[in-house]
Protein backbone atom coordinates (compact mmCIF):
# COMPACT_ATOMS: atom_id res chain seq x y z
CA MET A 1 -14.39 45.02 -51.11
CA ASP A 2 -15.36 48.48 -52.30
CA SER A 3 -13.67 51.79 -51.57
CA LYS A 4 -15.76 52.46 -48.47
CA HIS A 5 -14.65 49.15 -46.93
CA ARG A 6 -11.04 49.84 -47.91
CA LYS A 7 -11.20 53.26 -46.18
CA ALA A 8 -12.59 51.64 -43.01
CA LEU A 9 -9.81 49.04 -43.08
CA GLU A 10 -7.16 51.73 -43.48
CA ALA A 11 -8.73 53.73 -40.63
CA VAL A 12 -8.58 50.68 -38.33
CA TYR A 13 -4.86 50.25 -39.07
CA GLU A 14 -3.98 53.95 -38.58
CA LYS A 15 -1.70 54.87 -35.70
CA PRO A 16 -2.37 56.54 -33.39
CA GLU A 17 -5.80 54.93 -33.19
CA ARG A 18 -8.78 56.97 -34.25
CA ALA A 19 -11.81 57.34 -32.02
CA ASN A 20 -14.23 58.44 -34.72
CA ILE A 21 -14.79 55.34 -36.85
CA PRO A 22 -18.54 54.57 -37.02
CA TRP A 23 -19.29 51.05 -35.78
CA LYS A 24 -21.58 50.45 -38.77
CA ASP A 25 -18.56 50.91 -41.06
CA ILE A 26 -16.57 48.32 -39.11
CA GLU A 27 -19.48 45.87 -39.21
CA ALA A 28 -19.86 46.43 -42.97
CA LEU A 29 -16.13 45.74 -43.34
CA PHE A 30 -16.50 42.45 -41.46
CA ILE A 31 -19.33 41.41 -43.77
CA ALA A 32 -17.38 42.42 -46.89
CA LEU A 33 -14.47 40.25 -45.69
CA GLY A 34 -16.82 37.27 -45.38
CA ALA A 35 -17.18 37.21 -41.60
CA GLU A 36 -20.11 35.57 -39.85
CA ILE A 37 -21.78 37.95 -37.41
CA SER A 38 -24.25 36.94 -34.71
CA GLU A 39 -25.92 38.87 -31.95
CA GLY A 40 -24.97 38.25 -28.34
CA ASN A 41 -26.51 39.51 -25.13
CA GLY A 42 -27.02 43.25 -24.86
CA SER A 43 -24.68 45.13 -27.17
CA ARG A 44 -22.37 42.16 -27.81
CA VAL A 45 -21.60 41.11 -31.36
CA ARG A 46 -19.89 37.78 -32.10
CA VAL A 47 -17.69 37.75 -35.19
CA ALA A 48 -16.00 34.77 -36.86
CA LEU A 49 -13.56 35.23 -39.73
CA LYS A 50 -11.18 32.63 -41.18
CA GLY A 51 -11.32 30.48 -38.06
CA VAL A 52 -10.74 33.41 -35.68
CA ARG A 53 -13.52 34.38 -33.28
CA ALA A 54 -14.03 37.54 -31.25
CA VAL A 55 -16.73 39.32 -29.29
CA PHE A 56 -17.11 43.08 -29.57
CA HIS A 57 -19.46 45.55 -27.93
CA ARG A 58 -21.42 47.97 -30.07
CA PRO A 59 -20.73 51.47 -28.81
CA HIS A 60 -23.59 53.32 -27.17
CA PRO A 61 -24.93 55.92 -26.81
CA HIS A 62 -22.42 57.17 -29.40
CA LYS A 63 -22.08 55.58 -32.82
CA GLU A 64 -18.28 55.83 -33.02
CA THR A 65 -15.85 53.28 -31.61
CA ASN A 66 -13.30 54.26 -28.99
CA LYS A 67 -9.55 53.75 -29.33
CA GLY A 68 -9.57 50.53 -27.28
CA ALA A 69 -12.21 48.97 -29.52
CA VAL A 70 -10.26 49.98 -32.63
CA LYS A 71 -7.17 48.24 -31.21
CA SER A 72 -9.23 45.10 -30.56
CA VAL A 73 -10.63 45.14 -34.09
CA ARG A 74 -7.11 45.55 -35.51
CA LYS A 75 -5.80 42.60 -33.45
CA PHE A 76 -8.74 40.47 -34.61
CA LEU A 77 -8.13 41.34 -38.27
CA GLU A 78 -4.38 40.70 -37.94
CA ALA A 79 -5.09 37.28 -36.40
CA ALA A 80 -7.37 36.51 -39.36
CA GLY A 81 -4.63 37.54 -41.81
CA VAL A 82 -6.32 40.72 -43.05
CA LYS A 83 -4.05 43.63 -43.94
CA PRO A 84 -4.76 46.96 -45.65
């Protein structure tokens, strides 16, 4: 994991939640952690990491995730045993 991925991970774990994390950074973090990503219907993205599965929605029309999505990503990463 490089410094850009580490910064994205730290941003996901910040409290209060940020609403300005670009989705592409979160997806790149998933890939760096070894997650399997597959496309779902519409804007859905299926992610599997260390036996934990989740479905997220790519934000649109904006590129940044909202606070609720950041909370969901954090819960997913915690369940997979990923910590900053």
